[in-house]
Amino acid sequence: MADVSSQSLDALSARLVEVEGYLHLEEKRRVIEELETRSADPDFWNDADAARATMERLAAARDDVRGLDAARAKLEDARAALELGEEMGDEGLLAEASSLVDSLENDLSELELSSWFTDELDHGDAIVTVTPGQGGLEAQDWCEMLFRMYQRYCDRRGWKVTVNDAVPGEAIGLDRATFTVSGHNAYGMLRAEQGVHRLVRISPTDAKKRRQTTFAGVEVLPVLPDDVEVEIDPNDLRIDVYHASGHGGQGVNTTDSAVRITHLPTGIVVTCQNERSQLQNKAFAMSVLRSRLYEMELARRAEELDELRGPKHDIGFGNQIRSYVLYPYQLVKDLRTNVETSNVDAVLKDGDLDQFVVGYHRWAVGEGQAS
């Protein structure tokens, strides 16, 4: 429980004012009023795509305003509980004030995080791909461990996960996993995970129980809105269909439903096999291809670090962003931010990643200001 005093509440009040400034509270109220008026027009839905985009903007603005209003109300409730608790000597009210402060601090962290997402794509959905790197069969097992960790993290955040491609490994684990995460700020949050992840443990497949170092790579791409133009010449595509493998339900191996698309000019290969039909798999694979080509175009125009995926590295020694050590001690440490915890089970089994995700974005904002 937090220690509560008038001074600590004043500090939270000042922090809330800063967040209201970051998120342009009064401007958002005006935007909501304008968009509500526009959506009430009888001809509003004549252009369905434009109408949906408008409603998404309206929903996002409402979420921010509701969050700020709720935080302001929680601060006032905490202040009232503290004053009454001190005046009456009521431990229950003091405990309530402390609980409200704990909750408010978490709320402010979430609101601050949202304020750091300045690109429209940050607020949308994400496509995440996990692939094994150095380490052989161990790396395939590590790939599946990360896949499960991210599923649990998304569950904790209330995001929807759609598995698009999960290819079983040779004997254990996964040779690749691609999934779409749908939810508010999903891409903005998850791009903190882009990079190489290193695992150190006693190998479960080694009869001599030797320590093994294993790597897996995580790629995070935005799901592009329909209004983002990416030109793809059909003549530049080679499309192959084949029997799906692994999980997928009854009949998954009886038809050529899996799709592999190769973009010949760039060599990009995208596969999808987890949807029920070939058309669905093709549509998702094209969505991933659009995102990757969009990313490449941004990198070409900027002629600097790829701003969506970060620098390209081999999935191996010296390139990791985070280490997960299970032996000879237990520690998860982000090598960019130095955020660390010894509770590895909470991270790997329960998906408790917020400390690393928030820590990354706080660090990234600081790095941007320093430069």
Protein backbone atom coordinates (compact mmCIF):
# COMPACT_ATOMS: atom_id res chain seq x y z
CA MET A 1 0.00 0.00 0.00
CA ALA A 2 1.20 3.50 -0.80
CA ASP A 3 2.12 6.01 1.90
CA VAL A 4 -0.43 8.80 1.56
CA SER A 5 -0.03 12.42 2.59
CA SER A 6 -1.22 15.80 1.37
CA GLN A 7 2.19 16.23 -0.26
CA SER A 8 1.99 12.92 -2.15
CA LEU A 9 -1.51 13.81 -3.37
CA ASP A 10 -0.28 17.23 -4.50
CA ALA A 11 2.48 15.47 -6.46
CA LEU A 12 -0.08 13.19 -8.11
CA SER A 13 -2.24 16.23 -8.90
CA ALA A 14 0.70 17.92 -10.62
CA ARG A 15 1.43 14.73 -12.54
CA LEU A 16 -2.21 14.53 -13.66
CA VAL A 17 -2.10 18.13 -14.90
CA GLU A 18 0.98 17.24 -16.96
CA VAL A 19 -0.77 14.21 -18.46
CA GLU A 20 -3.83 16.32 -19.30
CA GLY A 21 -1.47 18.64 -21.14
CA TYR A 22 0.25 15.77 -22.98
CA LEU A 23 -3.10 14.40 -24.12
CA HIS A 24 -4.57 17.85 -24.95
CA LEU A 25 -7.67 17.25 -22.81
CA GLU A 26 -9.63 20.35 -23.79
CA GLU A 27 -8.81 19.87 -27.47
CA LYS A 28 -10.04 16.28 -27.25
CA ARG A 29 -13.33 17.47 -25.73
CA ARG A 30 -13.78 19.78 -28.73
CA VAL A 31 -12.91 16.93 -31.12
CA ILE A 32 -15.51 14.68 -29.48
CA GLU A 33 -18.17 17.36 -29.86
CA GLU A 34 -17.25 17.90 -33.51
CA LEU A 35 -17.19 14.19 -34.37
CA GLU A 36 -20.45 13.51 -32.56
CA THR A 37 -22.08 16.27 -34.59
CA ARG A 38 -20.62 14.85 -37.80
CA SER A 39 -21.74 11.30 -36.99
CA ALA A 40 -25.33 12.53 -36.46
CA ASP A 41 -25.54 13.73 -40.08
CA PRO A 42 -28.08 11.62 -42.04
CA ASP A 43 -25.53 11.13 -44.83
CA PHE A 44 -22.72 10.13 -42.47
CA TRP A 45 -22.72 6.42 -43.41
CA ASN A 46 -22.89 7.01 -47.16
CA ASP A 47 -19.10 6.60 -47.17
CA ALA A 48 -18.74 3.56 -44.92
CA ASP A 49 -14.92 3.55 -44.80
CA ALA A 50 -14.71 7.23 -43.86
CA ALA A 51 -17.48 6.76 -41.30
CA ARG A 52 -15.66 3.85 -39.64
CA ALA A 53 -12.44 5.88 -39.47
CA THR A 54 -14.34 8.76 -37.88
CA MET A 55 -15.95 6.47 -35.31
CA GLU A 56 -12.55 5.00 -34.43
CA ARG A 57 -11.20 8.52 -33.83
CA LEU A 58 -14.25 9.33 -31.73
CA ALA A 59 -13.86 6.16 -29.64
CA ALA A 60 -10.15 6.84 -29.03
CA ALA A 61 -10.81 10.44 -27.97
CA ARG A 62 -13.62 9.32 -25.65
CA ASP A 63 -11.34 6.71 -24.07
CA ASP A 64 -8.69 9.33 -23.31
CA VAL A 65 -11.20 11.79 -21.84
CA ARG A 66 -12.92 9.09 -19.78
CA GLY A 67 -9.55 7.96 -18.44
CA LEU A 68 -8.55 11.48 -17.46
CA ASP A 69 -11.93 12.25 -15.89
CA ALA A 70 -11.80 8.99 -13.92
CA ALA A 71 -8.28 9.78 -12.71
CA ARG A 72 -9.37 13.26 -11.60
CA ALA A 73 -12.35 11.76 -9.69
CA LYS A 74 -10.10 9.13 -8.08
CA LEU A 75 -7.68 11.83 -6.92
CA GLU A 76 -10.50 13.81 -5.31
CA ASP A 77 -11.85 10.64 -3.63
CA ALA A 78 -8.39 9.89 -2.25
CA ARG A 79 -8.02 13.42 -0.93
CA ALA A 80 -11.45 13.25 0.78
CA ALA A 81 -10.71 9.83 2.30
CA LEU A 82 -7.34 11.06 3.62
CA GLU A 83 -8.77 14.22 5.17
CA LEU A 84 -11.67 12.39 6.83
CA GLY A 85 -9.43 9.53 7.92
CA GLU A 86 -6.95 11.86 9.61
CA GLU A 87 -9.71 13.94 11.17
CA MET A 88 -11.60 10.94 12.56
CA GLY A 89 -8.64 8.65 13.14
CA ASP A 90 -10.35 6.07 10.92
CA GLU A 91 -7.86 3.43 9.71
CA GLY A 92 -10.39 2.14 7.18
CA LEU A 93 -10.58 5.49 5.41
CA LEU A 94 -6.79 5.83 5.48
CA ALA A 95 -6.50 2.37 3.92
CA GLU A 96 -9.06 3.39 1.28
CA ALA A 97 -7.01 6.51 0.47
CA SER A 98 -3.89 4.37 0.12
CA SER A 99 -5.67 1.93 -2.18
CA LEU A 100 -6.98 4.78 -4.33
CA VAL A 101 -3.48 6.22 -4.63
CA ASP A 102 -2.07 2.85 -5.73
CA SER A 103 -4.78 2.60 -8.38
CA LEU A 104 -4.30 6.21 -9.47
CA GLU A 105 -0.56 5.74 -9.92
CA ASN A 106 -1.23 2.79 -12.23
CA ASP A 107 -3.83 4.81 -14.14
CA LEU A 108 -1.42 7.70 -14.61
CA SER A 109 1.29 5.36 -15.87
CA GLU A 110 -1.14 4.04 -18.49
CA LEU A 111 -2.20 7.55 -19.51
CA GLU A 112 1.42 8.73 -19.71
CA LEU A 113 2.21 5.73 -21.87
CA SER A 114 -0.63 6.54 -24.24
CA SER A 115 0.61 10.12 -24.50
CA TRP A 116 3.96 8.87 -25.81
CA PHE A 117 2.30 7.21 -28.81
CA THR A 118 2.34 9.97 -31.39
CA ASP A 119 1.96 7.86 -34.55
CA GLU A 120 -1.60 6.88 -35.52
CA LEU A 121 -0.41 3.31 -36.10
CA ASP A 122 0.63 3.07 -32.44
CA HIS A 123 -3.01 3.04 -31.38
CA GLY A 124 -3.93 0.14 -33.65
CA ASP A 125 -3.44 -3.59 -33.94
CA ALA A 126 -0.15 -5.47 -34.33
CA ILE A 127 1.20 -8.47 -36.20
CA VAL A 128 3.78 -10.35 -34.13
CA THR A 129 6.12 -13.04 -35.47
CA VAL A 130 8.39 -15.14 -33.26
CA THR A 131 11.14 -17.19 -34.93
CA PRO A 132 13.89 -19.39 -33.44
CA GLY A 133 17.49 -18.28 -33.79
CA GLN A 134 20.74 -19.90 -32.65
CA GLY A 135 20.25 -22.96 -30.49
CA GLY A 136 18.76 -25.72 -32.65
CA LEU A 137 15.85 -27.61 -31.09
CA GLU A 138 16.27 -25.54 -27.94
CA ALA A 139 15.54 -22.41 -29.95
CA GLN A 140 12.30 -23.92 -31.24
CA ASP A 141 11.26 -24.65 -27.66
CA TRP A 142 12.19 -21.07 -26.70
CA CYS A 143 10.12 -19.79 -29.63
CA GLU A 144 7.05 -21.55 -28.23
CA MET A 145 7.76 -20.28 -24.70
CA LEU A 146 7.80 -16.69 -25.96
CA PHE A 147 4.65 -17.31 -27.98
CA ARG A 148 2.84 -18.50 -24.83
CA MET A 149 4.25 -15.59 -22.81
CA TYR A 150 2.85 -13.06 -25.28
CA GLN A 151 -0.52 -14.81 -25.34
CA ARG A 152 -0.75 -14.45 -21.56
CA TYR A 153 0.40 -10.83 -21.71
CA CYS A 154 -2.34 -10.05 -24.23
CA ASP A 155 -4.88 -11.81 -22.01
CA ARG A 156 -3.81 -9.62 -19.08
CA ARG A 157 -4.36 -6.51 -21.20
CA GLY A 158 -7.69 -7.66 -22.57
CA TRP A 159 -6.42 -7.84 -26.15
CA LYS A 160 -7.70 -10.37 -28.66
CA VAL A 161 -5.13 -12.76 -30.15
CA THR A 162 -5.68 -14.45 -33.51
CA VAL A 163 -3.10 -17.11 -34.35
CA ASN A 164 -2.36 -16.89 -38.06
CA ASP A 165 0.56 -19.26 -38.51
CA ALA A 166 2.05 -21.70 -35.98
CA VAL A 167 4.53 -24.14 -37.51
CA PRO A 168 5.59 -27.04 -35.24
CA GLY A 169 9.31 -27.60 -34.70
CA GLU A 170 11.18 -30.74 -35.70
CA ALA A 171 10.65 -32.44 -32.33
CA ILE A 172 9.64 -29.77 -29.82
CA GLY A 173 8.42 -26.19 -29.82
CA LEU A 174 7.63 -24.06 -32.85
CA ASP A 175 9.58 -23.22 -35.97
CA ARG A 176 7.57 -20.01 -36.37
CA ALA A 177 4.54 -18.34 -34.83
CA THR A 178 2.66 -15.38 -36.30
CA PHE A 179 -0.36 -13.86 -34.60
CA THR A 180 -2.45 -10.70 -34.76
CA VAL A 181 -3.10 -8.72 -31.58
CA SER A 182 -6.22 -6.54 -31.61
CA GLY A 183 -6.70 -3.89 -28.96
CA HIS A 184 -6.14 -0.27 -27.98
CA ASN A 185 -2.45 0.71 -28.31
CA ALA A 186 -1.48 -2.89 -29.15
CA TYR A 187 1.15 -1.93 -31.73
CA GLY A 188 2.51 0.96 -29.67
CA MET A 189 2.95 -1.27 -26.64
CA LEU A 190 4.27 -4.38 -28.38
CA ARG A 191 6.90 -2.65 -30.50
CA ALA A 192 8.91 -2.58 -27.27
CA GLU A 193 9.36 -6.34 -27.81
CA GLN A 194 10.98 -6.02 -31.26
CA GLY A 195 14.39 -7.68 -31.23
CA VAL A 196 16.37 -10.70 -30.07
CA HIS A 197 15.47 -12.49 -26.83
CA ARG A 198 18.09 -14.67 -25.08
CA LEU A 199 17.38 -17.65 -22.78
CA VAL A 200 19.93 -19.28 -20.46
CA ARG A 201 18.90 -22.51 -18.71
CA ILE A 202 19.69 -26.16 -18.12
CA SER A 203 18.75 -27.86 -21.35
CA PRO A 204 15.68 -30.10 -20.96
CA THR A 205 16.83 -32.14 -23.98
CA ASP A 206 20.43 -32.70 -22.81
CA ALA A 207 20.97 -35.94 -20.88
CA LYS A 208 24.08 -34.39 -19.26
CA LYS A 209 22.02 -31.43 -17.99
CA ARG A 210 24.39 -28.82 -19.37
CA ARG A 211 23.64 -25.11 -19.48
CA GLN A 212 22.33 -23.93 -22.85
CA THR A 213 22.06 -20.44 -24.34
CA THR A 214 19.26 -20.04 -26.85
CA PHE A 215 17.88 -17.19 -28.97
CA ALA A 216 14.62 -16.21 -30.65
CA GLY A 217 13.68 -13.16 -32.68
CA VAL A 218 10.50 -11.11 -32.31
CA GLU A 219 9.17 -8.97 -35.16
CA VAL A 220 6.32 -6.52 -34.54
CA LEU A 221 4.49 -4.82 -37.41
CA PRO A 222 1.44 -2.56 -37.47
CA VAL A 223 -1.79 -3.70 -39.05
CA LEU A 224 -2.14 -1.04 -41.73
CA PRO A 225 -5.47 0.79 -42.09
CA ASP A 226 -7.16 0.44 -45.45
CA ASP A 227 -6.42 4.09 -46.27
CA VAL A 228 -2.64 3.52 -46.20
CA GLU A 229 -1.53 3.12 -49.80
CA VAL A 230 0.92 0.29 -50.56
CA GLU A 231 1.22 -0.57 -54.24
CA ILE A 232 1.74 -4.25 -54.97
CA ASP A 233 1.98 -5.43 -58.58
CA PRO A 234 0.30 -8.86 -58.89
CA ASN A 235 2.99 -9.79 -61.42
CA ASP A 236 5.56 -9.46 -58.63
CA LEU A 237 3.92 -12.19 -56.57
CA ARG A 238 4.37 -15.96 -56.55
CA ILE A 239 1.54 -17.62 -54.66
CA ASP A 240 1.86 -21.26 -53.58
CA VAL A 241 -0.78 -23.33 -51.79
CA TYR A 242 -0.13 -26.46 -49.74
CA HIS A 243 -1.54 -28.66 -47.00
CA ALA A 244 -1.66 -26.92 -43.61
CA SER A 245 0.14 -28.63 -40.74
CA GLY A 246 -0.13 -28.55 -36.98
CA HIS A 247 -3.07 -27.05 -35.13
CA GLY A 248 -6.05 -25.93 -37.13
CA GLY A 249 -9.02 -28.12 -36.39
CA GLN A 250 -10.79 -30.92 -38.21
CA GLY A 251 -9.88 -31.28 -41.87
CA VAL A 252 -6.85 -28.98 -41.68
CA ASN A 253 -4.69 -31.42 -43.67
CA THR A 254 -7.30 -32.46 -46.22
CA THR A 255 -7.23 -29.41 -48.48
CA ASP A 256 -4.63 -27.07 -49.93
CA SER A 257 -5.69 -24.22 -47.63
CA ALA A 258 -2.27 -22.93 -46.52
CA VAL A 259 -0.82 -20.06 -48.56
CA ARG A 260 2.74 -18.91 -49.16
CA ILE A 261 3.28 -15.57 -50.94
CA THR A 262 6.70 -14.60 -52.25
CA HIS A 263 7.32 -10.99 -53.27
CA LEU A 264 9.83 -11.51 -56.05
CA PRO A 265 11.50 -8.04 -56.13
CA THR A 266 12.34 -8.09 -52.40
CA GLY A 267 12.41 -11.81 -51.63
CA ILE A 268 9.92 -11.35 -48.77
CA VAL A 269 8.09 -14.60 -48.00
CA VAL A 270 4.84 -14.63 -46.00
CA THR A 271 2.85 -17.70 -45.01
CA CYS A 272 -0.48 -18.31 -43.31
CA GLN A 273 -2.14 -21.64 -42.59
CA ASN A 274 -4.35 -21.29 -39.52
CA GLU A 275 -7.46 -19.84 -41.15
CA ARG A 276 -10.17 -22.23 -42.34
CA SER A 277 -10.05 -21.29 -46.00
CA GLN A 278 -7.46 -20.56 -48.62
CA LEU A 279 -9.04 -17.14 -49.25
CA GLN A 280 -8.74 -16.17 -45.57
CA ASN A 281 -5.13 -17.33 -45.42
CA LYS A 282 -4.32 -15.39 -48.59
CA ALA A 283 -5.98 -12.23 -47.23
CA PHE A 284 -3.94 -12.36 -44.02
CA ALA A 285 -0.68 -13.10 -45.86
CA MET A 286 -1.31 -10.08 -48.09
CA SER A 287 -1.91 -7.95 -44.98
CA VAL A 288 1.48 -8.96 -43.57
CA LEU A 289 3.15 -8.34 -46.93
CA ARG A 290 1.65 -4.84 -47.10
CA SER A 291 2.99 -4.07 -43.62
CA ARG A 292 6.48 -5.29 -44.47
CA LEU A 293 6.62 -3.37 -47.73
CA TYR A 294 5.35 -0.27 -45.96
CA GLU A 295 8.12 -0.65 -43.40
CA MET A 296 10.75 -1.02 -46.10
CA GLU A 297 9.48 2.12 -47.84
CA LEU A 298 9.72 4.11 -44.60
CA ALA A 299 13.28 2.92 -44.13
CA ARG A 300 14.21 3.83 -47.72
CA ARG A 301 12.72 7.32 -47.46
CA ALA A 302 14.26 8.06 -44.09
CA GLU A 303 17.68 6.59 -44.98
CA GLU A 304 18.23 5.88 -41.32
CA LEU A 305 17.24 3.31 -38.70
CA ASP A 306 14.10 1.42 -39.57
CA GLU A 307 11.59 3.15 -37.32
CA LEU A 308 9.18 0.24 -37.15
CA ARG A 309 11.42 -2.75 -36.63
CA GLY A 310 14.63 -1.21 -35.37
CA PRO A 311 18.09 -2.25 -36.60
CA LYS A 312 18.30 -5.65 -38.30
CA HIS A 313 20.48 -8.14 -36.43
CA ASP A 314 21.22 -11.83 -36.54
CA ILE A 315 19.19 -13.74 -33.97
CA GLY A 316 22.21 -14.70 -31.89
CA PHE A 317 25.00 -13.64 -29.53
CA GLY A 318 25.58 -9.95 -28.97
CA ASN A 319 22.29 -8.73 -30.43
CA GLN A 320 19.78 -9.46 -27.68
CA ILE A 321 17.52 -6.81 -26.18
CA ARG A 322 16.56 -8.92 -23.17
CA SER A 323 18.00 -11.89 -21.28
CA TYR A 324 16.00 -14.51 -19.42
CA VAL A 325 18.33 -16.42 -17.09
CA LEU A 326 16.92 -19.52 -15.36
CA TYR A 327 20.28 -21.00 -14.26
CA PRO A 328 22.59 -20.58 -12.29
CA TYR A 329 20.37 -17.78 -10.92
CA GLN A 330 16.98 -16.41 -11.95
CA LEU A 331 16.76 -13.00 -13.59
CA VAL A 332 14.99 -11.32 -16.49
CA LYS A 333 16.81 -8.14 -17.56
CA ASP A 334 16.20 -5.70 -20.40
CA LEU A 335 19.60 -4.66 -21.71
CA ARG A 336 18.33 -1.35 -23.13
CA THR A 337 16.66 -0.01 -19.99
CA ASN A 338 18.24 -2.12 -17.21
CA VAL A 339 14.74 -2.98 -15.93
CA GLU A 340 15.02 -6.37 -14.24
CA THR A 341 13.19 -8.84 -12.03
CA SER A 342 14.05 -12.13 -10.36
CA ASN A 343 10.45 -13.36 -10.65
CA VAL A 344 10.94 -15.19 -13.94
CA ASP A 345 7.78 -17.27 -13.54
CA ALA A 346 5.65 -14.11 -13.41
CA VAL A 347 7.19 -13.02 -16.72
CA LEU A 348 7.33 -16.28 -18.66
CA LYS A 349 4.31 -18.12 -17.25
CA ASP A 350 1.99 -15.25 -16.34
CA GLY A 351 2.96 -12.72 -19.04
CA ASP A 352 3.82 -9.97 -16.54
CA LEU A 353 5.59 -7.74 -19.08
CA ASP A 354 4.30 -4.27 -18.29
CA GLN A 355 7.38 -3.31 -16.29
CA PHE A 356 9.54 -4.01 -19.36
CA VAL A 357 7.16 -2.51 -21.92
CA VAL A 358 6.55 0.67 -19.93
CA GLY A 359 10.24 0.85 -19.01
CA TYR A 360 11.20 0.67 -22.69
CA HIS A 361 8.88 3.48 -23.74
CA ARG A 362 9.97 5.69 -20.84
CA TRP A 363 13.59 5.04 -21.85
CA ALA A 364 12.83 5.65 -25.55
CA VAL A 365 11.17 9.01 -24.76
CA GLY A 366 14.22 9.99 -22.72
CA GLU A 367 16.55 8.96 -25.51
CA GLY A 368 14.57 11.04 -27.99
CA GLN A 369 14.69 14.08 -25.74
CA ALA A 370 18.43 13.61 -25.19
CA SER A 371 19.09 13.53 -28.92
